Amino acid sequence: MATTILETLGTVRPDGTLDLDQKVTVVPGRVKVRVESVEVPAPPAETLVQFVQRTRRELEAAGHKFMNDEEVTAWIEELRSDDDRIEQIYRQADEEKVRGNDAP
């Protein structure tokens, strides 16, 4: 019989029982259990929003420039206008493939 090894996390309750975070998917029968303490990670010092705001302030203080609404809109429009150029390149590539297949 092949040995199945499954690793999962859980919590030891005050009464000594083990509460697993997920259901184990092994064949019913005797198993060997190894319990290893895991450090609980400290809660983050700041939220994601606070991190982004702090990072932006630091970057601005270092001289980095961010786009304003008008610049973002113009950039998006420029990206969208390039779609036609990309489609044209795809069409040209397809035409060249067809011409290459027609060659003797």
N, C-alpha and C. Protein backbone atom coordinates (compact mmCIF):
# COMPACT_ATOMS: atom_id res chain seq x y z
N MET A 1 0.84 -1.18 0.00
CA MET A 1 0.00 0.00 0.00
C MET A 1 0.89 1.25 0.00
N ALA A 2 0.59 2.18 -0.86
CA ALA A 2 1.37 3.40 -0.97
C ALA A 2 1.09 4.31 0.22
N THR A 3 2.12 5.01 0.66
CA THR A 3 1.98 5.95 1.77
C THR A 3 1.48 7.28 1.24
N THR A 4 0.46 7.81 1.88
CA THR A 4 -0.08 9.11 1.52
C THR A 4 0.34 10.11 2.58
N ILE A 5 0.95 11.20 2.16
CA ILE A 5 1.36 12.25 3.10
C ILE A 5 0.53 13.48 2.80
N LEU A 6 -0.10 13.99 3.83
CA LEU A 6 -0.95 15.17 3.71
C LEU A 6 -0.51 16.18 4.76
N GLU A 7 -0.33 17.42 4.35
CA GLU A 7 0.03 18.47 5.30
C GLU A 7 -1.07 19.49 5.34
N THR A 8 -1.53 19.83 6.52
CA THR A 8 -2.56 20.82 6.69
C THR A 8 -2.33 21.55 8.00
N LEU A 9 -3.03 22.62 8.21
CA LEU A 9 -2.92 23.38 9.45
C LEU A 9 -4.13 23.10 10.32
N GLY A 10 -3.99 23.40 11.58
CA GLY A 10 -5.09 23.20 12.51
C GLY A 10 -4.80 23.93 13.81
N THR A 11 -5.67 23.70 14.78
CA THR A 11 -5.56 24.35 16.08
C THR A 11 -5.73 23.31 17.18
N VAL A 12 -4.83 23.35 18.16
CA VAL A 12 -4.98 22.49 19.32
C VAL A 12 -5.87 23.23 20.32
N ARG A 13 -6.96 22.60 20.70
CA ARG A 13 -7.90 23.20 21.65
C ARG A 13 -7.40 22.98 23.08
N PRO A 14 -7.93 23.77 24.01
CA PRO A 14 -7.50 23.62 25.40
C PRO A 14 -7.68 22.20 25.96
N ASP A 15 -8.65 21.46 25.45
CA ASP A 15 -8.87 20.10 25.95
C ASP A 15 -7.93 19.08 25.29
N GLY A 16 -7.02 19.55 24.41
CA GLY A 16 -6.05 18.68 23.78
C GLY A 16 -6.48 18.10 22.45
N THR A 17 -7.70 18.35 22.03
CA THR A 17 -8.14 17.84 20.74
C THR A 17 -7.60 18.74 19.63
N LEU A 18 -7.57 18.19 18.44
CA LEU A 18 -7.01 18.90 17.30
C LEU A 18 -8.14 19.24 16.34
N ASP A 19 -8.24 20.51 15.97
CA ASP A 19 -9.25 20.99 15.02
C ASP A 19 -8.53 21.35 13.73
N LEU A 20 -8.73 20.54 12.67
CA LEU A 20 -8.04 20.78 11.40
C LEU A 20 -8.77 21.83 10.58
N ASP A 21 -7.99 22.59 9.79
CA ASP A 21 -8.56 23.64 8.95
C ASP A 21 -9.29 23.09 7.73
N GLN A 22 -8.99 21.87 7.34
CA GLN A 22 -9.65 21.28 6.18
C GLN A 22 -9.84 19.79 6.41
N LYS A 23 -10.74 19.21 5.67
CA LYS A 23 -11.01 17.79 5.76
C LYS A 23 -9.84 17.02 5.14
N VAL A 24 -9.43 15.94 5.82
CA VAL A 24 -8.34 15.14 5.27
C VAL A 24 -8.91 14.13 4.28
N THR A 25 -8.18 13.92 3.21
CA THR A 25 -8.66 13.03 2.14
C THR A 25 -7.73 11.83 2.02
N VAL A 26 -7.69 11.02 3.07
CA VAL A 26 -6.89 9.80 3.06
C VAL A 26 -7.82 8.63 3.35
N VAL A 27 -7.35 7.45 3.05
CA VAL A 27 -8.12 6.24 3.29
C VAL A 27 -8.34 6.09 4.79
N PRO A 28 -9.56 5.75 5.22
CA PRO A 28 -9.81 5.58 6.65
C PRO A 28 -8.89 4.52 7.25
N GLY A 29 -8.46 4.73 8.47
CA GLY A 29 -7.58 3.80 9.17
C GLY A 29 -6.62 4.57 10.06
N ARG A 30 -5.71 3.85 10.66
CA ARG A 30 -4.74 4.49 11.55
C ARG A 30 -3.79 5.38 10.76
N VAL A 31 -3.42 6.48 11.39
CA VAL A 31 -2.49 7.43 10.77
C VAL A 31 -1.46 7.87 11.79
N LYS A 32 -0.38 8.39 11.31
CA LYS A 32 0.66 8.95 12.16
C LYS A 32 0.52 10.47 12.09
N VAL A 33 0.44 11.11 13.24
CA VAL A 33 0.23 12.56 13.30
C VAL A 33 1.44 13.21 13.95
N ARG A 34 1.94 14.24 13.32
CA ARG A 34 3.05 15.02 13.88
C ARG A 34 2.53 16.43 14.10
N VAL A 35 2.66 16.95 15.31
CA VAL A 35 2.17 18.29 15.63
C VAL A 35 3.37 19.22 15.76
N GLU A 36 3.35 20.30 15.04
CA GLU A 36 4.44 21.28 15.05
C GLU A 36 3.84 22.65 15.30
N SER A 37 4.36 23.36 16.29
CA SER A 37 3.85 24.70 16.59
C SER A 37 4.17 25.64 15.43
N VAL A 38 3.25 26.54 15.16
CA VAL A 38 3.42 27.52 14.09
C VAL A 38 3.23 28.90 14.70
N GLU A 39 4.16 29.79 14.42
CA GLU A 39 4.02 31.15 14.92
C GLU A 39 2.87 31.85 14.23
N VAL A 40 2.08 32.54 15.03
CA VAL A 40 0.98 33.32 14.46
C VAL A 40 1.58 34.60 13.93
N PRO A 41 1.35 34.89 12.64
CA PRO A 41 1.95 36.11 12.08
C PRO A 41 1.38 37.36 12.76
N ALA A 42 2.24 38.33 12.96
CA ALA A 42 1.80 39.59 13.55
C ALA A 42 0.89 40.31 12.57
N PRO A 43 -0.12 40.98 13.09
CA PRO A 43 -0.99 41.73 12.17
C PRO A 43 -0.19 42.83 11.47
N PRO A 44 -0.53 43.13 10.24
CA PRO A 44 0.22 44.15 9.50
C PRO A 44 0.14 45.50 10.22
N ALA A 45 1.21 46.26 10.10
CA ALA A 45 1.28 47.57 10.75
C ALA A 45 0.37 48.58 10.07
N GLU A 46 0.05 48.33 8.81
CA GLU A 46 -0.82 49.24 8.07
C GLU A 46 -1.67 48.46 7.09
N THR A 47 -2.81 49.04 6.71
CA THR A 47 -3.68 48.39 5.74
C THR A 47 -3.10 48.57 4.34
N LEU A 48 -3.67 47.88 3.38
CA LEU A 48 -3.21 48.01 2.00
C LEU A 48 -3.38 49.45 1.51
N VAL A 49 -4.50 50.07 1.84
CA VAL A 49 -4.74 51.46 1.41
C VAL A 49 -3.69 52.38 2.03
N GLN A 50 -3.41 52.19 3.32
CA GLN A 50 -2.40 53.02 3.98
C GLN A 50 -1.03 52.81 3.35
N PHE A 51 -0.70 51.55 3.01
CA PHE A 51 0.57 51.25 2.36
C PHE A 51 0.69 51.98 1.03
N VAL A 52 -0.37 51.90 0.21
CA VAL A 52 -0.33 52.56 -1.11
C VAL A 52 -0.21 54.07 -0.95
N GLN A 53 -0.96 54.64 -0.02
CA GLN A 53 -0.89 56.09 0.20
C GLN A 53 0.51 56.51 0.67
N ARG A 54 1.09 55.76 1.60
CA ARG A 54 2.43 56.07 2.10
C ARG A 54 3.47 55.95 0.99
N THR A 55 3.35 54.87 0.20
CA THR A 55 4.30 54.66 -0.89
C THR A 55 4.22 55.78 -1.91
N ARG A 56 3.00 56.21 -2.23
CA ARG A 56 2.85 57.31 -3.18
C ARG A 56 3.48 58.60 -2.65
N ARG A 57 3.23 58.89 -1.36
CA ARG A 57 3.83 60.10 -0.77
C ARG A 57 5.36 60.03 -0.84
N GLU A 58 5.92 58.87 -0.54
CA GLU A 58 7.37 58.71 -0.57
C GLU A 58 7.91 58.89 -1.99
N LEU A 59 7.22 58.31 -2.97
CA LEU A 59 7.67 58.44 -4.35
C LEU A 59 7.56 59.88 -4.83
N GLU A 60 6.47 60.56 -4.47
CA GLU A 60 6.32 61.97 -4.86
C GLU A 60 7.42 62.82 -4.22
N ALA A 61 7.74 62.53 -2.96
CA ALA A 61 8.80 63.27 -2.27
C ALA A 61 10.16 63.03 -2.94
N ALA A 62 10.32 61.86 -3.55
CA ALA A 62 11.57 61.53 -4.24
C ALA A 62 11.60 62.09 -5.66
N GLY A 63 10.52 62.77 -6.07
CA GLY A 63 10.52 63.41 -7.38
C GLY A 63 9.80 62.66 -8.48
N HIS A 64 9.18 61.53 -8.16
CA HIS A 64 8.45 60.79 -9.19
C HIS A 64 7.12 61.49 -9.49
N LYS A 65 6.76 61.47 -10.77
CA LYS A 65 5.51 62.11 -11.22
C LYS A 65 4.46 61.04 -11.51
N PHE A 66 3.22 61.32 -11.16
CA PHE A 66 2.10 60.43 -11.46
C PHE A 66 1.19 61.13 -12.46
N MET A 67 0.54 60.33 -13.29
CA MET A 67 -0.36 60.91 -14.29
C MET A 67 -1.63 61.41 -13.61
N ASN A 68 -2.15 62.55 -14.13
CA ASN A 68 -3.45 63.03 -13.66
C ASN A 68 -4.54 62.39 -14.52
N ASP A 69 -5.79 62.69 -14.24
CA ASP A 69 -6.91 62.07 -14.95
C ASP A 69 -6.82 62.28 -16.46
N GLU A 70 -6.48 63.51 -16.87
CA GLU A 70 -6.41 63.81 -18.30
C GLU A 70 -5.31 62.98 -18.98
N GLU A 71 -4.17 62.87 -18.32
CA GLU A 71 -3.06 62.10 -18.88
C GLU A 71 -3.40 60.62 -18.98
N VAL A 72 -4.08 60.09 -17.97
CA VAL A 72 -4.48 58.68 -18.00
C VAL A 72 -5.46 58.45 -19.14
N THR A 73 -6.43 59.34 -19.29
CA THR A 73 -7.41 59.21 -20.37
C THR A 73 -6.73 59.25 -21.73
N ALA A 74 -5.79 60.18 -21.90
CA ALA A 74 -5.07 60.28 -23.17
C ALA A 74 -4.25 59.03 -23.44
N TRP A 75 -3.63 58.49 -22.41
CA TRP A 75 -2.82 57.27 -22.56
C TRP A 75 -3.70 56.09 -22.95
N ILE A 76 -4.87 55.98 -22.32
CA ILE A 76 -5.80 54.89 -22.67
C ILE A 76 -6.25 55.02 -24.11
N GLU A 77 -6.56 56.23 -24.54
CA GLU A 77 -6.98 56.45 -25.92
C GLU A 77 -5.85 56.09 -26.89
N GLU A 78 -4.63 56.42 -26.52
CA GLU A 78 -3.49 56.07 -27.37
C GLU A 78 -3.35 54.55 -27.48
N LEU A 79 -3.52 53.85 -26.36
CA LEU A 79 -3.45 52.40 -26.39
C LEU A 79 -4.56 51.82 -27.26
N ARG A 80 -5.74 52.37 -27.14
CA ARG A 80 -6.86 51.88 -27.95
C ARG A 80 -6.65 52.14 -29.43
N SER A 81 -6.05 53.28 -29.77
CA SER A 81 -5.83 53.60 -31.18
C SER A 81 -4.80 52.67 -31.78
N ASP A 82 -3.90 52.13 -30.98
CA ASP A 82 -2.89 51.20 -31.48
C ASP A 82 -3.51 49.86 -31.87
N ASP A 83 -4.72 49.56 -31.40
CA ASP A 83 -5.37 48.30 -31.74
C ASP A 83 -5.52 48.15 -33.25
N ASP A 84 -5.86 49.24 -33.94
CA ASP A 84 -6.01 49.19 -35.40
C ASP A 84 -4.69 48.83 -36.06
N ARG A 85 -3.62 49.40 -35.57
CA ARG A 85 -2.30 49.13 -36.14
C ARG A 85 -1.93 47.67 -35.94
N ILE A 86 -2.21 47.13 -34.74
CA ILE A 86 -1.91 45.74 -34.45
C ILE A 86 -2.75 44.82 -35.34
N GLU A 87 -4.02 45.15 -35.50
CA GLU A 87 -4.89 44.35 -36.37
C GLU A 87 -4.37 44.38 -37.81
N GLN A 88 -3.89 45.52 -38.25
CA GLN A 88 -3.36 45.63 -39.61
C GLN A 88 -2.12 44.73 -39.76
N ILE A 89 -1.28 44.71 -38.74
CA ILE A 89 -0.09 43.85 -38.78
C ILE A 89 -0.50 42.38 -38.85
N TYR A 90 -1.51 41.99 -38.06
CA TYR A 90 -2.00 40.61 -38.12
C TYR A 90 -2.53 40.27 -39.52
N ARG A 91 -3.28 41.20 -40.11
CA ARG A 91 -3.82 40.96 -41.45
C ARG A 91 -2.70 40.78 -42.47
N GLN A 92 -1.68 41.63 -42.37
CA GLN A 92 -0.55 41.52 -43.28
C GLN A 92 0.17 40.18 -43.10
N ALA A 93 0.33 39.74 -41.86
CA ALA A 93 0.99 38.47 -41.59
C ALA A 93 0.17 37.32 -42.17
N ASP A 94 -1.15 37.39 -42.00
CA ASP A 94 -2.01 36.34 -42.56
C ASP A 94 -1.93 36.31 -44.08
N GLU A 95 -1.91 37.51 -44.72
CA GLU A 95 -1.81 37.58 -46.18
C GLU A 95 -0.48 36.98 -46.65
N GLU A 96 0.59 37.25 -45.93
CA GLU A 96 1.89 36.70 -46.31
C GLU A 96 1.90 35.18 -46.16
N LYS A 97 1.21 34.65 -45.16
CA LYS A 97 1.12 33.19 -45.00
C LYS A 97 0.39 32.58 -46.19
N VAL A 98 -0.70 33.24 -46.60
CA VAL A 98 -1.47 32.74 -47.73
C VAL A 98 -0.62 32.79 -48.99
N ARG A 99 0.09 33.88 -49.20
CA ARG A 99 0.97 33.99 -50.37
C ARG A 99 2.08 32.94 -50.32
N GLY A 100 2.59 32.67 -49.13
CA GLY A 100 3.64 31.67 -48.99
C GLY A 100 3.14 30.26 -49.28
N ASN A 101 1.88 29.98 -48.95
CA ASN A 101 1.29 28.68 -49.24
C ASN A 101 0.98 28.50 -50.72
N ASP A 102 0.74 29.62 -51.43
CA ASP A 102 0.41 29.55 -52.84
C ASP A 102 1.67 29.40 -53.71
N ALA A 103 2.82 29.73 -53.17
CA ALA A 103 4.05 29.66 -53.93
C ALA A 103 4.41 28.21 -54.26
N PRO A 104 4.99 27.96 -55.49
CA PRO A 104 5.33 26.58 -55.86
C PRO A 104 6.50 26.04 -55.10
